[in-house]
Amino acid sequence: MTGKEEDMRKGLVGYFGYGSLVNRRTLTTDYVACMPAKLKGWRRHWQAREHGAEPADIALLTVHEHAESTIMGMLVIDRLENLASVDEREARYDRVAIARESLEFVVEAGREEAHASLPEALYVYVGRRRPGEERPPMLLQSYLDAVMAGFHAEFGDDGLAHFLETTIGFDREIVTDRHAPVYKRSIALDPDLASRFDTLLKRAGVRFAAP
């Protein structure tokens, strides 16, 4: 029996979150553990959703392989029985296998133990592309609130800066839906933190509609 088969028998899998999955408040399964981590060889970007995906004018946060890049995020260790539910949540993405060697854990203490305890079945979700994008789709404020709150909670100010610096494609408009959220796993923010997020996004090139 291979290591992956043994882990599947035990019922454990891991998936690396780089967007909303970084925020523990958006997780809906009875997962086993969350481990702040870095994924080597990948980079984040915004892209159009695949044809037929709604809302069509809202950008999808995804990743692509990039040998020189490393991104912060969250490795979620979950039960195999929950994987179908996560796949449904990430319905616009393909689940792609990653090697444990591509993961680095943020907390110095216990890194070796963390690697030793990892399931063999490790994944990252990669968004499906839509060919022939004509105009850049917009960002969704309620989604970004959840993503940025997760990075702030796990990695502090450095995490926010890292997210903005290692994600391609912020030069586009944003739908300001914070007070009537479209994102179904939206979270409430402290007003000061919300204002700070908006300031950081404007500096990154995001275009807010005039009041």
N, C-alpha and C. Protein backbone atom coordinates (compact mmCIF):
# COMPACT_ATOMS: atom_id res chain seq x y z
N MET A 1 0.85 -1.20 0.00
CA MET A 1 0.00 0.00 0.00
C MET A 1 0.88 1.25 0.00
N THR A 2 0.63 2.20 -0.91
CA THR A 2 1.42 3.42 -0.97
C THR A 2 1.04 4.34 0.18
N GLY A 3 1.92 5.39 0.40
CA GLY A 3 1.62 6.34 1.46
C GLY A 3 0.31 7.05 1.24
N LYS A 4 0.02 7.40 -0.03
CA LYS A 4 -1.24 8.10 -0.32
C LYS A 4 -2.42 7.18 -0.05
N GLU A 5 -2.30 5.92 -0.45
CA GLU A 5 -3.39 4.98 -0.21
C GLU A 5 -3.60 4.79 1.29
N GLU A 6 -2.50 4.77 2.06
CA GLU A 6 -2.60 4.62 3.51
C GLU A 6 -3.32 5.81 4.12
N ASP A 7 -2.96 7.03 3.67
CA ASP A 7 -3.63 8.22 4.19
C ASP A 7 -5.10 8.26 3.79
N MET A 8 -5.39 7.84 2.57
CA MET A 8 -6.78 7.79 2.14
C MET A 8 -7.56 6.81 3.01
N ARG A 9 -6.91 5.72 3.36
CA ARG A 9 -7.57 4.75 4.23
C ARG A 9 -7.84 5.39 5.59
N LYS A 10 -6.86 6.16 6.09
CA LYS A 10 -7.04 6.85 7.36
C LYS A 10 -8.06 7.99 7.23
N GLY A 11 -8.28 8.44 6.01
CA GLY A 11 -9.29 9.46 5.79
C GLY A 11 -8.82 10.88 5.93
N LEU A 12 -7.54 11.18 5.59
CA LEU A 12 -7.03 12.54 5.69
C LEU A 12 -6.50 13.04 4.35
N VAL A 13 -6.75 14.31 4.06
CA VAL A 13 -6.20 14.99 2.90
C VAL A 13 -5.80 16.40 3.34
N GLY A 14 -5.01 17.07 2.52
CA GLY A 14 -4.65 18.46 2.79
C GLY A 14 -4.84 19.30 1.54
N TYR A 15 -5.27 20.55 1.72
CA TYR A 15 -5.37 21.46 0.58
C TYR A 15 -4.88 22.83 1.00
N PHE A 16 -4.13 23.47 0.10
CA PHE A 16 -3.51 24.76 0.39
C PHE A 16 -4.43 25.88 -0.07
N GLY A 17 -4.81 26.73 0.87
CA GLY A 17 -5.65 27.88 0.56
C GLY A 17 -4.80 29.13 0.41
N TYR A 18 -5.09 29.93 -0.60
CA TYR A 18 -4.32 31.15 -0.86
C TYR A 18 -5.22 32.38 -0.95
N GLY A 19 -6.55 32.18 -0.76
CA GLY A 19 -7.50 33.28 -0.81
C GLY A 19 -8.45 33.21 0.36
N SER A 20 -9.71 32.94 0.10
CA SER A 20 -10.69 32.89 1.20
C SER A 20 -10.43 31.73 2.15
N LEU A 21 -9.80 30.65 1.67
CA LEU A 21 -9.52 29.51 2.56
C LEU A 21 -8.49 29.85 3.63
N VAL A 22 -7.80 30.97 3.49
CA VAL A 22 -6.88 31.41 4.54
C VAL A 22 -7.66 31.85 5.78
N ASN A 23 -8.87 32.31 5.57
CA ASN A 23 -9.69 32.82 6.67
C ASN A 23 -10.47 31.68 7.31
N ARG A 24 -10.12 31.35 8.53
CA ARG A 24 -10.76 30.23 9.23
C ARG A 24 -12.27 30.43 9.38
N ARG A 25 -12.71 31.69 9.39
CA ARG A 25 -14.14 31.96 9.55
C ARG A 25 -14.95 31.57 8.32
N THR A 26 -14.29 31.34 7.20
CA THR A 26 -15.02 30.93 5.99
C THR A 26 -15.05 29.42 5.82
N LEU A 27 -14.32 28.68 6.65
CA LEU A 27 -14.27 27.23 6.50
C LEU A 27 -15.55 26.62 7.07
N THR A 28 -16.12 25.69 6.34
CA THR A 28 -17.42 25.15 6.73
C THR A 28 -17.40 23.66 7.05
N THR A 29 -16.25 23.00 6.90
CA THR A 29 -16.16 21.58 7.22
C THR A 29 -15.60 21.39 8.63
N ASP A 30 -15.73 20.19 9.18
CA ASP A 30 -15.14 19.89 10.48
C ASP A 30 -13.70 19.42 10.26
N TYR A 31 -12.89 20.36 9.78
CA TYR A 31 -11.50 20.06 9.43
C TYR A 31 -10.70 19.63 10.67
N VAL A 32 -9.55 19.01 10.43
CA VAL A 32 -8.72 18.50 11.52
C VAL A 32 -7.76 19.55 12.03
N ALA A 33 -7.12 20.31 11.12
CA ALA A 33 -6.13 21.30 11.53
C ALA A 33 -5.96 22.34 10.44
N CYS A 34 -5.50 23.53 10.86
CA CYS A 34 -5.11 24.59 9.93
C CYS A 34 -3.66 24.97 10.24
N MET A 35 -2.83 25.01 9.22
CA MET A 35 -1.40 25.26 9.41
C MET A 35 -0.96 26.39 8.49
N PRO A 36 -0.68 27.59 9.04
CA PRO A 36 -0.15 28.66 8.19
C PRO A 36 1.12 28.17 7.49
N ALA A 37 1.19 28.42 6.19
CA ALA A 37 2.27 27.82 5.41
C ALA A 37 2.60 28.68 4.20
N LYS A 38 3.66 28.29 3.50
CA LYS A 38 4.03 28.90 2.22
C LYS A 38 4.07 27.81 1.16
N LEU A 39 3.66 28.17 -0.05
CA LEU A 39 3.70 27.24 -1.17
C LEU A 39 4.70 27.77 -2.19
N LYS A 40 5.73 26.98 -2.46
CA LYS A 40 6.78 27.38 -3.40
C LYS A 40 6.42 26.97 -4.82
N GLY A 41 6.76 27.86 -5.77
CA GLY A 41 6.57 27.54 -7.18
C GLY A 41 5.23 27.93 -7.75
N TRP A 42 4.47 28.75 -7.02
CA TRP A 42 3.16 29.20 -7.49
C TRP A 42 3.02 30.70 -7.22
N ARG A 43 2.15 31.35 -8.00
CA ARG A 43 1.85 32.77 -7.79
C ARG A 43 0.37 33.03 -8.03
N ARG A 44 -0.20 33.99 -7.27
CA ARG A 44 -1.62 34.34 -7.41
C ARG A 44 -1.85 35.32 -8.56
N HIS A 45 -3.05 35.26 -9.15
CA HIS A 45 -3.47 36.28 -10.10
C HIS A 45 -5.00 36.29 -10.18
N TRP A 46 -5.52 37.39 -10.68
CA TRP A 46 -6.96 37.52 -10.96
C TRP A 46 -7.21 37.19 -12.41
N GLN A 47 -8.31 36.51 -12.70
CA GLN A 47 -8.66 36.19 -14.07
C GLN A 47 -10.18 36.16 -14.24
N ALA A 48 -10.61 36.10 -15.50
CA ALA A 48 -12.04 35.95 -15.79
C ALA A 48 -12.49 34.55 -15.44
N ARG A 49 -13.75 34.41 -15.07
CA ARG A 49 -14.32 33.10 -14.80
C ARG A 49 -14.55 32.36 -16.12
N GLU A 50 -14.64 31.03 -16.03
CA GLU A 50 -14.91 30.24 -17.22
C GLU A 50 -16.28 30.59 -17.78
N HIS A 51 -16.50 30.30 -19.05
CA HIS A 51 -17.79 30.59 -19.68
C HIS A 51 -18.93 29.88 -18.94
N GLY A 52 -19.98 30.62 -18.68
CA GLY A 52 -21.14 30.06 -17.99
C GLY A 52 -21.12 30.23 -16.49
N ALA A 53 -19.97 30.65 -15.94
CA ALA A 53 -19.87 30.84 -14.49
C ALA A 53 -20.44 32.20 -14.11
N GLU A 54 -21.20 32.22 -13.04
CA GLU A 54 -21.81 33.47 -12.57
C GLU A 54 -21.26 33.84 -11.20
N PRO A 55 -21.15 35.15 -10.89
CA PRO A 55 -21.40 36.26 -11.81
C PRO A 55 -20.24 36.44 -12.80
N ALA A 56 -20.54 36.55 -14.08
CA ALA A 56 -19.53 36.55 -15.13
C ALA A 56 -18.61 37.76 -15.08
N ASP A 57 -19.08 38.88 -14.50
CA ASP A 57 -18.27 40.10 -14.50
C ASP A 57 -17.41 40.25 -13.26
N ILE A 58 -17.34 39.20 -12.42
CA ILE A 58 -16.53 39.24 -11.21
C ILE A 58 -15.29 38.37 -11.40
N ALA A 59 -14.12 38.92 -11.07
CA ALA A 59 -12.86 38.21 -11.26
C ALA A 59 -12.72 37.04 -10.29
N LEU A 60 -11.96 36.05 -10.74
CA LEU A 60 -11.68 34.86 -9.95
C LEU A 60 -10.23 34.92 -9.47
N LEU A 61 -10.00 34.71 -8.18
CA LEU A 61 -8.64 34.65 -7.66
C LEU A 61 -8.12 33.23 -7.82
N THR A 62 -6.96 33.08 -8.46
CA THR A 62 -6.42 31.75 -8.69
C THR A 62 -4.90 31.81 -8.63
N VAL A 63 -4.25 30.71 -9.00
CA VAL A 63 -2.79 30.63 -8.99
C VAL A 63 -2.31 30.00 -10.29
N HIS A 64 -1.05 30.26 -10.61
CA HIS A 64 -0.39 29.61 -11.73
C HIS A 64 1.02 29.24 -11.28
N GLU A 65 1.58 28.24 -11.92
CA GLU A 65 2.93 27.82 -11.57
C GLU A 65 3.93 28.89 -11.98
N HIS A 66 4.84 29.20 -11.07
CA HIS A 66 5.87 30.22 -11.31
C HIS A 66 7.06 29.86 -10.43
N ALA A 67 8.10 29.35 -11.05
CA ALA A 67 9.21 28.74 -10.32
C ALA A 67 9.85 29.66 -9.30
N GLU A 68 9.86 30.96 -9.57
CA GLU A 68 10.58 31.89 -8.70
C GLU A 68 9.71 32.48 -7.59
N SER A 69 8.47 32.08 -7.52
CA SER A 69 7.55 32.68 -6.54
C SER A 69 7.22 31.75 -5.38
N THR A 70 6.90 32.37 -4.25
CA THR A 70 6.41 31.67 -3.07
C THR A 70 5.26 32.48 -2.50
N ILE A 71 4.16 31.81 -2.17
CA ILE A 71 3.01 32.53 -1.63
C ILE A 71 2.64 32.01 -0.25
N MET A 72 2.24 32.93 0.62
CA MET A 72 1.73 32.57 1.93
C MET A 72 0.29 32.09 1.80
N GLY A 73 -0.11 31.25 2.74
CA GLY A 73 -1.49 30.79 2.75
C GLY A 73 -1.74 29.87 3.92
N MET A 74 -2.71 28.99 3.77
CA MET A 74 -3.11 28.09 4.85
C MET A 74 -3.24 26.67 4.31
N LEU A 75 -2.56 25.74 4.96
CA LEU A 75 -2.77 24.33 4.63
C LEU A 75 -3.84 23.80 5.57
N VAL A 76 -4.94 23.38 4.99
CA VAL A 76 -6.05 22.82 5.76
C VAL A 76 -5.95 21.30 5.69
N ILE A 77 -5.84 20.66 6.85
CA ILE A 77 -5.88 19.20 6.93
C ILE A 77 -7.32 18.83 7.22
N ASP A 78 -7.90 18.06 6.33
CA ASP A 78 -9.34 17.78 6.41
C ASP A 78 -9.60 16.29 6.27
N ARG A 79 -10.82 15.94 6.53
CA ARG A 79 -11.24 14.53 6.42
C ARG A 79 -11.61 14.24 4.96
N LEU A 80 -11.23 13.07 4.50
CA LEU A 80 -11.54 12.67 3.13
C LEU A 80 -13.03 12.80 2.83
N GLU A 81 -13.85 12.51 3.81
CA GLU A 81 -15.30 12.56 3.60
C GLU A 81 -15.79 13.98 3.32
N ASN A 82 -14.96 14.99 3.66
CA ASN A 82 -15.35 16.38 3.42
C ASN A 82 -14.88 16.91 2.06
N LEU A 83 -14.07 16.12 1.36
CA LEU A 83 -13.45 16.63 0.14
C LEU A 83 -14.47 16.98 -0.93
N ALA A 84 -15.51 16.20 -1.04
CA ALA A 84 -16.55 16.50 -2.04
C ALA A 84 -17.20 17.85 -1.75
N SER A 85 -17.38 18.16 -0.47
CA SER A 85 -17.96 19.45 -0.09
C SER A 85 -17.04 20.60 -0.46
N VAL A 86 -15.73 20.40 -0.25
CA VAL A 86 -14.76 21.44 -0.61
C VAL A 86 -14.71 21.59 -2.13
N ASP A 87 -14.74 20.47 -2.85
CA ASP A 87 -14.77 20.53 -4.31
C ASP A 87 -15.99 21.32 -4.80
N GLU A 88 -17.11 21.15 -4.12
CA GLU A 88 -18.32 21.89 -4.50
C GLU A 88 -18.15 23.38 -4.23
N ARG A 89 -17.54 23.70 -3.10
CA ARG A 89 -17.25 25.11 -2.79
C ARG A 89 -16.36 25.72 -3.87
N GLU A 90 -15.37 24.95 -4.30
CA GLU A 90 -14.41 25.42 -5.30
C GLU A 90 -14.81 24.91 -6.69
N ALA A 91 -16.07 25.03 -7.02
CA ALA A 91 -16.61 24.42 -8.25
C ALA A 91 -16.02 25.01 -9.52
N ARG A 92 -15.46 26.21 -9.46
CA ARG A 92 -14.86 26.84 -10.63
C ARG A 92 -13.36 26.55 -10.73
N TYR A 93 -12.90 25.61 -9.92
CA TYR A 93 -11.48 25.29 -9.86
C TYR A 93 -11.26 23.79 -10.08
N ASP A 94 -10.05 23.46 -10.54
CA ASP A 94 -9.61 22.07 -10.60
C ASP A 94 -8.69 21.80 -9.41
N ARG A 95 -8.87 20.64 -8.80
CA ARG A 95 -8.02 20.25 -7.67
C ARG A 95 -6.75 19.60 -8.23
N VAL A 96 -5.59 20.22 -7.96
CA VAL A 96 -4.31 19.80 -8.53
C VAL A 96 -3.38 19.32 -7.41
N ALA A 97 -2.75 18.18 -7.62
CA ALA A 97 -1.84 17.63 -6.61
C ALA A 97 -0.58 18.47 -6.49
N ILE A 98 -0.08 18.63 -5.27
CA ILE A 98 1.19 19.31 -5.02
C ILE A 98 2.07 18.40 -4.17
N ALA A 99 3.38 18.62 -4.24
CA ALA A 99 4.33 17.82 -3.48
C ALA A 99 4.53 18.42 -2.09
N ARG A 100 4.77 17.58 -1.11
CA ARG A 100 5.01 18.10 0.24
C ARG A 100 6.26 18.96 0.28
N GLU A 101 7.22 18.68 -0.64
CA GLU A 101 8.44 19.48 -0.68
C GLU A 101 8.18 20.92 -1.09
N SER A 102 7.03 21.18 -1.68
CA SER A 102 6.70 22.55 -2.08
C SER A 102 6.15 23.38 -0.93
N LEU A 103 5.92 22.75 0.21
CA LEU A 103 5.35 23.44 1.37
C LEU A 103 6.41 23.78 2.40
N GLU A 104 6.29 24.97 2.94
CA GLU A 104 7.16 25.41 4.04
C GLU A 104 6.26 25.99 5.11
N PHE A 105 6.51 25.61 6.36
CA PHE A 105 5.62 26.05 7.42
C PHE A 105 6.16 27.30 8.10
N VAL A 106 5.25 28.21 8.42
CA VAL A 106 5.62 29.54 8.88
C VAL A 106 6.21 29.51 10.28
N VAL A 107 5.66 28.69 11.15
CA VAL A 107 6.13 28.63 12.53
C VAL A 107 7.42 27.82 12.58
N GLU A 108 8.49 28.43 13.08
CA GLU A 108 9.79 27.76 13.11
C GLU A 108 9.73 26.46 13.90
N ALA A 109 9.16 26.54 15.11
CA ALA A 109 9.10 25.35 15.97
C ALA A 109 8.16 24.33 15.37
N GLY A 110 8.63 23.13 15.27
CA GLY A 110 7.76 22.04 14.84
C GLY A 110 7.66 21.85 13.34
N ARG A 111 8.55 22.48 12.56
CA ARG A 111 8.47 22.32 11.10
C ARG A 111 8.68 20.87 10.68
N GLU A 112 9.69 20.24 11.27
CA GLU A 112 9.97 18.85 10.89
C GLU A 112 8.80 17.95 11.27
N GLU A 113 8.24 18.19 12.45
CA GLU A 113 7.10 17.39 12.89
C GLU A 113 5.90 17.62 11.97
N ALA A 114 5.73 18.86 11.53
CA ALA A 114 4.61 19.16 10.64
C ALA A 114 4.74 18.41 9.33
N HIS A 115 5.93 18.42 8.76
CA HIS A 115 6.15 17.69 7.50
C HIS A 115 5.92 16.20 7.69
N ALA A 116 6.38 15.68 8.81
CA ALA A 116 6.26 14.24 9.05
C ALA A 116 4.81 13.82 9.20
N SER A 117 3.96 14.73 9.66
CA SER A 117 2.57 14.37 9.92
C SER A 117 1.63 14.68 8.76
N LEU A 118 2.17 15.21 7.65
CA LEU A 118 1.33 15.59 6.53
C LEU A 118 0.75 14.38 5.82
N PRO A 119 -0.49 14.49 5.36
CA PRO A 119 -1.02 13.45 4.48
C PRO A 119 -0.24 13.45 3.17
N GLU A 120 -0.19 12.32 2.50
CA GLU A 120 0.44 12.26 1.18
C GLU A 120 -0.43 12.97 0.14
N ALA A 121 -1.74 12.95 0.34
CA ALA A 121 -2.67 13.58 -0.61
C ALA A 121 -2.77 15.07 -0.30
N LEU A 122 -2.07 15.89 -1.08
CA LEU A 122 -2.02 17.33 -0.89
C LEU A 122 -2.43 18.02 -2.19
N TYR A 123 -3.22 19.09 -2.07
CA TYR A 123 -3.77 19.71 -3.27
C TYR A 123 -3.76 21.23 -3.18
N VAL A 124 -3.89 21.86 -4.35
CA VAL A 124 -4.20 23.28 -4.46
C VAL A 124 -5.28 23.40 -5.53
N TYR A 125 -6.17 24.36 -5.36
CA TYR A 125 -7.25 24.55 -6.33
C TYR A 125 -6.85 25.63 -7.34
N VAL A 126 -6.93 25.27 -8.64
CA VAL A 126 -6.51 26.16 -9.73
C VAL A 126 -7.73 26.51 -10.57
N GLY A 127 -7.99 27.80 -10.73
CA GLY A 127 -9.17 28.26 -11.46
C GLY A 127 -9.14 27.90 -12.93
N ARG A 128 -10.29 27.55 -13.46
CA ARG A 128 -10.40 27.25 -14.89
C ARG A 128 -10.42 28.56 -15.68
N ARG A 129 -9.69 28.56 -16.76
CA ARG A 129 -9.53 29.78 -17.56
C ARG A 129 -10.67 29.95 -18.56
N ARG A 130 -10.94 31.20 -18.88
CA ARG A 130 -11.89 31.52 -19.94
C ARG A 130 -11.11 32.11 -21.10
N PRO A 131 -11.05 31.45 -22.24
CA PRO A 131 -10.29 31.98 -23.38
C PRO A 131 -10.93 33.25 -23.93
N GLY A 132 -10.07 34.12 -24.44
CA GLY A 132 -10.57 35.31 -25.11
C GLY A 132 -11.21 36.33 -24.19
N GLU A 133 -10.58 36.60 -23.04
CA GLU A 133 -11.12 37.62 -22.13
C GLU A 133 -11.12 38.97 -22.84
N GLU A 134 -12.27 39.64 -22.87
CA GLU A 134 -12.40 40.89 -23.61
C GLU A 134 -12.18 42.11 -22.73
N ARG A 135 -12.71 42.11 -21.55
CA ARG A 135 -12.51 43.24 -20.64
C ARG A 135 -12.27 42.69 -19.24
N PRO A 136 -11.39 43.34 -18.48
CA PRO A 136 -11.07 42.81 -17.15
C PRO A 136 -12.31 42.76 -16.25
N PRO A 137 -12.63 41.60 -15.69
CA PRO A 137 -13.75 41.54 -14.76
C PRO A 137 -13.41 42.30 -13.48
N MET A 138 -14.43 42.66 -12.73
CA MET A 138 -14.24 43.47 -11.53
C MET A 138 -13.95 42.62 -10.30
N LEU A 139 -13.40 43.27 -9.30
CA LEU A 139 -13.18 42.63 -8.00
C LEU A 139 -14.44 42.77 -7.16
N LEU A 140 -14.56 41.91 -6.15
CA LEU A 140 -15.72 41.93 -5.26
C LEU A 140 -15.25 42.27 -3.86
N GLN A 141 -15.70 43.39 -3.32
CA GLN A 141 -15.24 43.87 -2.03
C GLN A 141 -15.52 42.89 -0.91
N SER A 142 -16.70 42.29 -0.89
CA SER A 142 -17.04 41.37 0.20
C SER A 142 -16.13 40.14 0.20
N TYR A 143 -15.70 39.70 -0.99
CA TYR A 143 -14.76 38.58 -1.08
C TYR A 143 -13.39 39.01 -0.59
N LEU A 144 -12.93 40.18 -1.04
CA LEU A 144 -11.62 40.66 -0.61
C LEU A 144 -11.58 40.93 0.89
N ASP A 145 -12.67 41.38 1.47
CA ASP A 145 -12.72 41.56 2.92
C ASP A 145 -12.40 40.25 3.64
N ALA A 146 -12.99 39.15 3.17
CA ALA A 146 -12.75 37.85 3.79
C ALA A 146 -11.31 37.40 3.60
N VAL A 147 -10.79 37.59 2.38
CA VAL A 147 -9.41 37.18 2.09
C VAL A 147 -8.42 37.98 2.92
N MET A 148 -8.54 39.29 2.88
CA MET A 148 -7.57 40.15 3.56
C MET A 148 -7.67 40.01 5.07
N ALA A 149 -8.87 39.80 5.60
CA ALA A 149 -9.01 39.57 7.04
C ALA A 149 -8.30 38.29 7.45
N GLY A 150 -8.34 37.28 6.59
CA GLY A 150 -7.63 36.04 6.88
C GLY A 150 -6.13 36.24 6.92
N PHE A 151 -5.60 36.95 5.93
CA PHE A 151 -4.16 37.21 5.91
C PHE A 151 -3.74 38.06 7.10
N HIS A 152 -4.57 39.03 7.46
CA HIS A 152 -4.25 39.88 8.61
C HIS A 152 -4.26 39.08 9.90
N ALA A 153 -5.24 38.20 10.06
CA ALA A 153 -5.34 37.40 11.29
C ALA A 153 -4.17 36.43 11.43
N GLU A 154 -3.74 35.84 10.32
CA GLU A 154 -2.71 34.81 10.38
C GLU A 154 -1.29 35.36 10.31
N PHE A 155 -1.10 36.45 9.54
CA PHE A 155 0.26 36.92 9.26
C PHE A 155 0.48 38.39 9.58
N GLY A 156 -0.55 39.09 10.07
CA GLY A 156 -0.39 40.49 10.44
C GLY A 156 -0.20 41.41 9.24
N ASP A 157 0.42 42.56 9.48
CA ASP A 157 0.62 43.55 8.42
C ASP A 157 1.49 43.00 7.30
N ASP A 158 2.49 42.19 7.66
CA ASP A 158 3.35 41.60 6.64
C ASP A 158 2.55 40.70 5.70
N GLY A 159 1.55 40.01 6.25
CA GLY A 159 0.72 39.15 5.42
C GLY A 159 -0.12 39.94 4.43
N LEU A 160 -0.67 41.06 4.87
CA LEU A 160 -1.43 41.91 3.96
C LEU A 160 -0.55 42.42 2.83
N ALA A 161 0.64 42.91 3.19
CA ALA A 161 1.56 43.41 2.18
C ALA A 161 1.95 42.31 1.20
N HIS A 162 2.20 41.12 1.73
CA HIS A 162 2.58 39.99 0.88
C HIS A 162 1.45 39.64 -0.09
N PHE A 163 0.23 39.59 0.39
CA PHE A 163 -0.90 39.26 -0.48
C PHE A 163 -1.00 40.24 -1.65
N LEU A 164 -0.88 41.52 -1.36
CA LEU A 164 -1.00 42.53 -2.40
C LEU A 164 0.18 42.50 -3.37
N GLU A 165 1.37 42.24 -2.84
CA GLU A 165 2.58 42.26 -3.67
C GLU A 165 2.72 41.02 -4.55
N THR A 166 2.13 39.91 -4.13
CA THR A 166 2.33 38.65 -4.85
C THR A 166 1.09 38.21 -5.62
N THR A 167 0.17 39.13 -5.84
CA THR A 167 -1.04 38.85 -6.62
C THR A 167 -1.06 39.78 -7.82
N ILE A 168 -1.15 39.22 -9.01
CA ILE A 168 -1.15 39.99 -10.25
C ILE A 168 -2.58 40.39 -10.62
N GLY A 169 -2.75 41.66 -11.03
CA GLY A 169 -4.02 42.05 -11.62
C GLY A 169 -4.94 42.90 -10.78
N PHE A 170 -4.39 43.69 -9.85
CA PHE A 170 -5.26 44.55 -9.04
C PHE A 170 -5.71 45.81 -9.77
N ASP A 171 -5.16 46.08 -10.93
CA ASP A 171 -5.50 47.29 -11.67
C ASP A 171 -6.83 47.10 -12.39
N ARG A 172 -7.91 47.18 -11.63
CA ARG A 172 -9.26 47.02 -12.18
C ARG A 172 -10.27 47.61 -11.20
N GLU A 173 -11.52 47.67 -11.60
CA GLU A 173 -12.57 48.23 -10.76
C GLU A 173 -13.03 47.23 -9.70
N ILE A 174 -13.67 47.77 -8.66
CA ILE A 174 -14.18 46.93 -7.58
C ILE A 174 -15.67 47.22 -7.36
N VAL A 175 -16.42 46.17 -7.10
CA VAL A 175 -17.83 46.31 -6.72
C VAL A 175 -17.88 46.51 -5.21
N THR A 176 -18.35 47.65 -4.76
CA THR A 176 -18.34 47.97 -3.33
C THR A 176 -19.64 47.46 -2.68
N ASP A 177 -19.62 46.17 -2.39
CA ASP A 177 -20.83 45.51 -1.86
C ASP A 177 -20.72 45.17 -0.38
N ARG A 178 -19.85 45.85 0.33
CA ARG A 178 -19.61 45.51 1.74
C ARG A 178 -20.89 45.54 2.58
N HIS A 179 -21.76 46.48 2.32
CA HIS A 179 -22.97 46.64 3.14
C HIS A 179 -24.16 45.83 2.62
N ALA A 180 -23.97 45.19 1.48
CA ALA A 180 -24.98 44.26 0.94
C ALA A 180 -24.20 43.15 0.22
N PRO A 181 -23.54 42.29 0.99
CA PRO A 181 -22.55 41.36 0.44
C PRO A 181 -23.12 40.37 -0.58
N VAL A 182 -22.39 40.25 -1.69
CA VAL A 182 -22.70 39.23 -2.69
C VAL A 182 -22.02 37.92 -2.32
N TYR A 183 -20.82 38.00 -1.77
CA TYR A 183 -20.07 36.79 -1.39
C TYR A 183 -20.79 36.09 -0.24
N LYS A 184 -21.12 34.83 -0.44
CA LYS A 184 -21.98 34.15 0.53
C LYS A 184 -21.27 33.75 1.83
N ARG A 185 -19.95 33.83 1.86
CA ARG A 185 -19.23 33.58 3.12
C ARG A 185 -18.61 34.88 3.63
N SER A 186 -19.32 35.97 3.43
CA SER A 186 -18.82 37.28 3.84
C SER A 186 -18.70 37.37 5.36
N ILE A 187 -17.85 38.27 5.81
CA ILE A 187 -17.61 38.46 7.24
C ILE A 187 -17.78 39.93 7.59
N ALA A 188 -18.05 40.19 8.86
CA ALA A 188 -18.15 41.57 9.34
C ALA A 188 -16.76 42.05 9.74
N LEU A 189 -16.47 43.31 9.41
CA LEU A 189 -15.17 43.90 9.72
C LEU A 189 -15.32 45.08 10.66
N ASP A 190 -14.32 45.27 11.50
CA ASP A 190 -14.22 46.50 12.27
C ASP A 190 -14.08 47.66 11.27
N PRO A 191 -14.79 48.76 11.49
CA PRO A 191 -14.75 49.87 10.53
C PRO A 191 -13.34 50.38 10.23
N ASP A 192 -12.49 50.43 11.25
CA ASP A 192 -11.12 50.91 11.03
C ASP A 192 -10.35 49.96 10.12
N LEU A 193 -10.55 48.65 10.33
CA LEU A 193 -9.86 47.66 9.50
C LEU A 193 -10.40 47.71 8.07
N ALA A 194 -11.70 47.88 7.93
CA ALA A 194 -12.30 47.97 6.60
C ALA A 194 -11.74 49.17 5.84
N SER A 195 -11.63 50.31 6.52
CA SER A 195 -11.07 51.50 5.89
C SER A 195 -9.62 51.28 5.49
N ARG A 196 -8.90 50.57 6.33
CA ARG A 196 -7.49 50.28 6.04
C ARG A 196 -7.37 49.39 4.81
N PHE A 197 -8.22 48.39 4.72
CA PHE A 197 -8.19 47.51 3.54
C PHE A 197 -8.42 48.32 2.27
N ASP A 198 -9.40 49.23 2.32
CA ASP A 198 -9.71 50.03 1.14
C ASP A 198 -8.52 50.89 0.73
N THR A 199 -7.84 51.46 1.71
CA THR A 199 -6.67 52.29 1.43
C THR A 199 -5.57 51.47 0.77
N LEU A 200 -5.32 50.28 1.29
CA LEU A 200 -4.29 49.40 0.72
C LEU A 200 -4.64 49.00 -0.71
N LEU A 201 -5.91 48.71 -0.95
CA LEU A 201 -6.32 48.31 -2.29
C LEU A 201 -6.17 49.46 -3.29
N LYS A 202 -6.50 50.67 -2.87
CA LYS A 202 -6.32 51.82 -3.75
C LYS A 202 -4.85 52.01 -4.10
N ARG A 203 -3.97 51.81 -3.13
CA ARG A 203 -2.54 51.93 -3.39
C ARG A 203 -2.06 50.85 -4.36
N ALA A 204 -2.75 49.70 -4.34
CA ALA A 204 -2.38 48.60 -5.23
C ALA A 204 -2.93 48.78 -6.64
N GLY A 205 -3.74 49.82 -6.85
CA GLY A 205 -4.25 50.10 -8.18
C GLY A 205 -5.72 49.83 -8.39
N VAL A 206 -6.42 49.38 -7.33
CA VAL A 206 -7.85 49.10 -7.46
C VAL A 206 -8.61 50.41 -7.63
N ARG A 207 -9.57 50.41 -8.54
CA ARG A 207 -10.35 51.61 -8.83
C ARG A 207 -11.72 51.53 -8.17
N PHE A 208 -11.96 52.41 -7.22
CA PHE A 208 -13.24 52.51 -6.54
C PHE A 208 -14.11 53.53 -7.27
N ALA A 209 -15.40 53.22 -7.38
CA ALA A 209 -16.32 54.16 -8.02
C ALA A 209 -16.43 55.43 -7.19
N ALA A 210 -16.58 56.54 -7.85
CA ALA A 210 -16.74 57.81 -7.12
C ALA A 210 -18.04 57.79 -6.34
N PRO A 211 -18.03 58.31 -5.09
CA PRO A 211 -19.26 58.32 -4.27
C PRO A 211 -20.32 59.24 -4.87
